[in-house]
Amino acid sequence: MGALLYFGVKFLAYTAWCSFGLYQFRADQQSYFSRSLTFGFLRLLLGFFFGVLIFIASMAMMSALGSGLSQNVATYLLVYVPVRWIEWAIMAVLIVPNSASFSAWAMGTSKKDRLWRFGGIAISCLADIPVIASLGGVVPVGRFLC
């Protein structure tokens, strides 16, 4: 039941953030609601897909840093934030105009685009807080979070 709640929170957070992105970058288009749901679901699926990369990278990082709260926090920040930048860059290709070139994909098309991506990363991390709290404040790393 906890996993369903976690994925439900993630889906709602991603849907809301994608809706904001559509409003910011595609205000001239209609059907925000259905497109937001589609993009929110797609972002959730990206989390599953990139979970393999996250698992491998976080296990390698934990092997190098060791275990403990500070090491787990460092691993979380050093692995999840860059991977989430990639995930939100993929979403930007779908939402932000002119973001399909490699440089625009990697770095963003504008300050507004980069801020939207950083906001998406923050939303992704904030949506992890219920799981972290349910584990007694232990920062879980590995495939667990998407």
C-alpha atoms as a PDB file:
ATOM      1  CA  MET A   1       0.000   0.000   0.000  1.00  0.00           C
ATOM      2  CA  GLY A   2       2.885   2.349   0.798  1.00  0.00           C
ATOM      3  CA  ALA A   3       4.380   1.845  -2.660  1.00  0.00           C
ATOM      4  CA  LEU A   4       1.073   2.777  -4.315  1.00  0.00           C
ATOM      5  CA  LEU A   5       0.910   5.937  -2.235  1.00  0.00           C
ATOM      6  CA  TYR A   6       4.507   6.776  -3.136  1.00  0.00           C
ATOM      7  CA  PHE A   7       3.903   6.345  -6.860  1.00  0.00           C
ATOM      8  CA  GLY A   8       0.613   8.228  -6.579  1.00  0.00           C
ATOM      9  CA  VAL A   9       2.366  11.187  -4.948  1.00  0.00           C
ATOM     10  CA  LYS A  10       5.088  11.086  -7.607  1.00  0.00           C
ATOM     11  CA  PHE A  11       2.512  10.942 -10.419  1.00  0.00           C
ATOM     12  CA  LEU A  12       0.556  13.895  -9.028  1.00  0.00           C
ATOM     13  CA  ALA A  13       3.721  15.939  -8.458  1.00  0.00           C
ATOM     14  CA  TYR A  14       5.041  15.220 -11.949  1.00  0.00           C
ATOM     15  CA  THR A  15       1.662  15.930 -13.529  1.00  0.00           C
ATOM     16  CA  ALA A  16       1.412  19.270 -11.728  1.00  0.00           C
ATOM     17  CA  TRP A  17       4.959  20.256 -12.703  1.00  0.00           C
ATOM     18  CA  CYS A  18       4.434  19.261 -16.329  1.00  0.00           C
ATOM     19  CA  SER A  19       1.217  21.283 -16.324  1.00  0.00           C
ATOM     20  CA  PHE A  20       3.193  24.283 -15.096  1.00  0.00           C
ATOM     21  CA  GLY A  21       5.741  23.676 -17.868  1.00  0.00           C
ATOM     22  CA  LEU A  22       2.991  23.533 -20.476  1.00  0.00           C
ATOM     23  CA  TYR A  23       1.590  26.797 -19.133  1.00  0.00           C
ATOM     24  CA  GLN A  24       5.032  28.429 -19.197  1.00  0.00           C
ATOM     25  CA  PHE A  25       6.205  27.206 -22.580  1.00  0.00           C
ATOM     26  CA  ARG A  26       3.094  26.243 -24.544  1.00  0.00           C
ATOM     27  CA  ALA A  27       0.463  28.707 -23.313  1.00  0.00           C
ATOM     28  CA  ASP A  28      -0.963  28.992 -26.815  1.00  0.00           C
ATOM     29  CA  GLN A  29      -2.028  25.331 -26.871  1.00  0.00           C
ATOM     30  CA  GLN A  30      -5.125  23.807 -25.335  1.00  0.00           C
ATOM     31  CA  SER A  31      -5.844  20.522 -23.531  1.00  0.00           C
ATOM     32  CA  TYR A  32      -3.519  21.126 -20.590  1.00  0.00           C
ATOM     33  CA  PHE A  33      -5.240  18.544 -18.423  1.00  0.00           C
ATOM     34  CA  SER A  34      -4.913  15.503 -20.688  1.00  0.00           C
ATOM     35  CA  ARG A  35      -1.413  16.474 -21.831  1.00  0.00           C
ATOM     36  CA  SER A  36      -0.343  17.060 -18.225  1.00  0.00           C
ATOM     37  CA  LEU A  37      -1.567  13.601 -17.241  1.00  0.00           C
ATOM     38  CA  THR A  38       0.244  12.040 -20.183  1.00  0.00           C
ATOM     39  CA  PHE A  39       3.485  13.883 -19.442  1.00  0.00           C
ATOM     40  CA  GLY A  40       3.212  13.121 -15.709  1.00  0.00           C
ATOM     41  CA  PHE A  41       2.840   9.430 -16.479  1.00  0.00           C
ATOM     42  CA  LEU A  42       5.724   9.558 -18.946  1.00  0.00           C
ATOM     43  CA  ARG A  43       7.940  11.203 -16.303  1.00  0.00           C
ATOM     44  CA  LEU A  44       7.018   8.451 -13.850  1.00  0.00           C
ATOM     45  CA  LEU A  45       7.983   5.835 -16.463  1.00  0.00           C
ATOM     46  CA  LEU A  46      11.313   7.596 -17.020  1.00  0.00           C
ATOM     47  CA  GLY A  47      11.968   7.126 -13.304  1.00  0.00           C
ATOM     48  CA  PHE A  48      11.474   3.388 -13.676  1.00  0.00           C
ATOM     49  CA  PHE A  49      13.708   3.249 -16.749  1.00  0.00           C
ATOM     50  CA  PHE A  50      16.507   5.297 -15.203  1.00  0.00           C
ATOM     51  CA  GLY A  51      16.176   3.316 -11.984  1.00  0.00           C
ATOM     52  CA  VAL A  52      18.673   0.801 -13.358  1.00  0.00           C
ATOM     53  CA  LEU A  53      21.237   3.561 -13.930  1.00  0.00           C
ATOM     54  CA  ILE A  54      20.501   4.980 -10.488  1.00  0.00           C
ATOM     55  CA  PHE A  55      20.960   1.562  -8.875  1.00  0.00           C
ATOM     56  CA  ILE A  56      24.327   0.956 -10.546  1.00  0.00           C
ATOM     57  CA  ALA A  57      25.634   4.476  -9.907  1.00  0.00           C
ATOM     58  CA  SER A  58      24.484   4.609  -6.291  1.00  0.00           C
ATOM     59  CA  MET A  59      25.916   1.189  -5.484  1.00  0.00           C
ATOM     60  CA  ALA A  60      29.267   2.249  -6.976  1.00  0.00           C
ATOM     61  CA  MET A  61      29.142   5.536  -5.049  1.00  0.00           C
ATOM     62  CA  MET A  62      28.275   3.802  -1.782  1.00  0.00           C
ATOM     63  CA  SER A  63      31.141   1.358  -2.308  1.00  0.00           C
ATOM     64  CA  ALA A  64      33.496   4.309  -2.635  1.00  0.00           C
ATOM     65  CA  LEU A  65      32.037   6.408   0.210  1.00  0.00           C
ATOM     66  CA  GLY A  66      30.922   3.745   2.668  1.00  0.00           C
ATOM     67  CA  SER A  67      27.666   3.746   4.588  1.00  0.00           C
ATOM     68  CA  GLY A  68      26.166   6.148   7.063  1.00  0.00           C
ATOM     69  CA  LEU A  69      23.828   9.121   6.989  1.00  0.00           C
ATOM     70  CA  SER A  70      26.282  11.623   5.503  1.00  0.00           C
ATOM     71  CA  GLN A  71      27.452   9.112   2.902  1.00  0.00           C
ATOM     72  CA  ASN A  72      23.849   8.266   1.984  1.00  0.00           C
ATOM     73  CA  VAL A  73      22.974  11.955   1.631  1.00  0.00           C
ATOM     74  CA  ALA A  74      26.063  12.547  -0.512  1.00  0.00           C
ATOM     75  CA  THR A  75      25.225   9.532  -2.671  1.00  0.00           C
ATOM     76  CA  TYR A  76      21.631  10.702  -3.043  1.00  0.00           C
ATOM     77  CA  LEU A  77      22.707  14.186  -4.143  1.00  0.00           C
ATOM     78  CA  LEU A  78      25.576  13.073  -6.393  1.00  0.00           C
ATOM     79  CA  VAL A  79      23.546  10.396  -8.170  1.00  0.00           C
ATOM     80  CA  TYR A  80      19.908  11.461  -8.131  1.00  0.00           C
ATOM     81  CA  VAL A  81      20.316  15.139  -9.034  1.00  0.00           C
ATOM     82  CA  PRO A  82      22.303  14.561 -12.273  1.00  0.00           C
ATOM     83  CA  VAL A  83      20.055  11.659 -13.329  1.00  0.00           C
ATOM     84  CA  ARG A  84      16.987  13.760 -12.639  1.00  0.00           C
ATOM     85  CA  TRP A  85      18.477  16.554 -14.767  1.00  0.00           C
ATOM     86  CA  ILE A  86      18.582  14.040 -17.630  1.00  0.00           C
ATOM     87  CA  GLU A  87      15.014  12.937 -16.938  1.00  0.00           C
ATOM     88  CA  TRP A  88      13.728  16.524 -16.902  1.00  0.00           C
ATOM     89  CA  ALA A  89      15.811  17.342 -19.999  1.00  0.00           C
ATOM     90  CA  ILE A  90      13.939  14.570 -21.799  1.00  0.00           C
ATOM     91  CA  MET A  91      10.670  16.092 -20.618  1.00  0.00           C
ATOM     92  CA  ALA A  92      11.867  19.501 -21.820  1.00  0.00           C
ATOM     93  CA  VAL A  93      12.273  18.125 -25.349  1.00  0.00           C
ATOM     94  CA  LEU A  94       8.541  17.375 -25.257  1.00  0.00           C
ATOM     95  CA  ILE A  95       7.418  20.573 -23.549  1.00  0.00           C
ATOM     96  CA  VAL A  96       9.924  23.375 -24.206  1.00  0.00           C
ATOM     97  CA  PRO A  97      10.073  24.688 -27.784  1.00  0.00           C
ATOM     98  CA  ASN A  98      13.414  24.397 -29.619  1.00  0.00           C
ATOM     99  CA  SER A  99      14.998  22.070 -27.069  1.00  0.00           C
ATOM    100  CA  ALA A 100      15.725  19.114 -29.337  1.00  0.00           C
ATOM    101  CA  SER A 101      19.314  20.013 -30.284  1.00  0.00           C
ATOM    102  CA  PHE A 102      21.989  18.436 -28.105  1.00  0.00           C
ATOM    103  CA  SER A 103      23.171  21.716 -26.565  1.00  0.00           C
ATOM    104  CA  ALA A 104      19.605  22.835 -25.820  1.00  0.00           C
ATOM    105  CA  TRP A 105      18.795  19.394 -24.444  1.00  0.00           C
ATOM    106  CA  ALA A 106      21.883  19.275 -22.234  1.00  0.00           C
ATOM    107  CA  MET A 107      21.959  22.887 -21.037  1.00  0.00           C
ATOM    108  CA  GLY A 108      18.450  24.193 -21.634  1.00  0.00           C
ATOM    109  CA  THR A 109      17.206  26.781 -24.082  1.00  0.00           C
ATOM    110  CA  SER A 110      17.011  29.662 -21.601  1.00  0.00           C
ATOM    111  CA  LYS A 111      17.183  30.605 -17.962  1.00  0.00           C
ATOM    112  CA  LYS A 112      13.437  29.956 -17.732  1.00  0.00           C
ATOM    113  CA  ASP A 113      13.950  26.426 -19.107  1.00  0.00           C
ATOM    114  CA  ARG A 114      16.812  25.689 -16.710  1.00  0.00           C
ATOM    115  CA  LEU A 115      14.785  26.965 -13.750  1.00  0.00           C
ATOM    116  CA  TRP A 116      11.888  24.733 -14.792  1.00  0.00           C
ATOM    117  CA  ARG A 117      14.229  21.733 -14.910  1.00  0.00           C
ATOM    118  CA  PHE A 118      15.726  22.570 -11.491  1.00  0.00           C
ATOM    119  CA  GLY A 119      12.186  22.947 -10.176  1.00  0.00           C
ATOM    120  CA  GLY A 120      11.409  19.482 -11.532  1.00  0.00           C
ATOM    121  CA  ILE A 121      14.436  18.098  -9.719  1.00  0.00           C
ATOM    122  CA  ALA A 122      13.269  19.778  -6.505  1.00  0.00           C
ATOM    123  CA  ILE A 123       9.759  18.363  -6.976  1.00  0.00           C
ATOM    124  CA  SER A 124      11.234  14.905  -7.528  1.00  0.00           C
ATOM    125  CA  CYS A 125      13.329  15.144  -4.361  1.00  0.00           C
ATOM    126  CA  LEU A 126      10.479  16.597  -2.287  1.00  0.00           C
ATOM    127  CA  ALA A 127       8.227  13.748  -3.376  1.00  0.00           C
ATOM    128  CA  ASP A 128      10.807  11.362  -1.852  1.00  0.00           C
ATOM    129  CA  ILE A 129      10.385  12.878   1.621  1.00  0.00           C
ATOM    130  CA  PRO A 130       7.384  10.703   2.637  1.00  0.00           C
ATOM    131  CA  VAL A 131       9.410   7.571   1.918  1.00  0.00           C
ATOM    132  CA  ILE A 132      12.436   8.943   3.735  1.00  0.00           C
ATOM    133  CA  ALA A 133      10.244   9.864   6.717  1.00  0.00           C
ATOM    134  CA  SER A 134       8.595   6.429   6.733  1.00  0.00           C
ATOM    135  CA  LEU A 135      12.051   4.878   6.996  1.00  0.00           C
ATOM    136  CA  GLY A 136      12.846   6.922  10.082  1.00  0.00           C
ATOM    137  CA  GLY A 137      14.840   9.570   8.268  1.00  0.00           C
ATOM    138  CA  VAL A 138      17.188   7.082   6.603  1.00  0.00           C
ATOM    139  CA  VAL A 139      18.033   8.264   3.112  1.00  0.00           C
ATOM    140  CA  PRO A 140      17.468   5.226   0.906  1.00  0.00           C
ATOM    141  CA  VAL A 141      19.613   5.019  -2.189  1.00  0.00           C
ATOM    142  CA  GLY A 142      19.548   2.635  -5.115  1.00  0.00           C
ATOM    143  CA  ARG A 143      16.691   1.550  -7.363  1.00  0.00           C
ATOM    144  CA  PHE A 144      14.131   2.363  -4.697  1.00  0.00           C
ATOM    145  CA  LEU A 145      13.349   5.948  -5.688  1.00  0.00           C
ATOM    146  CA  CYS A 146      12.518   7.154  -9.190  1.00  0.00           C
END
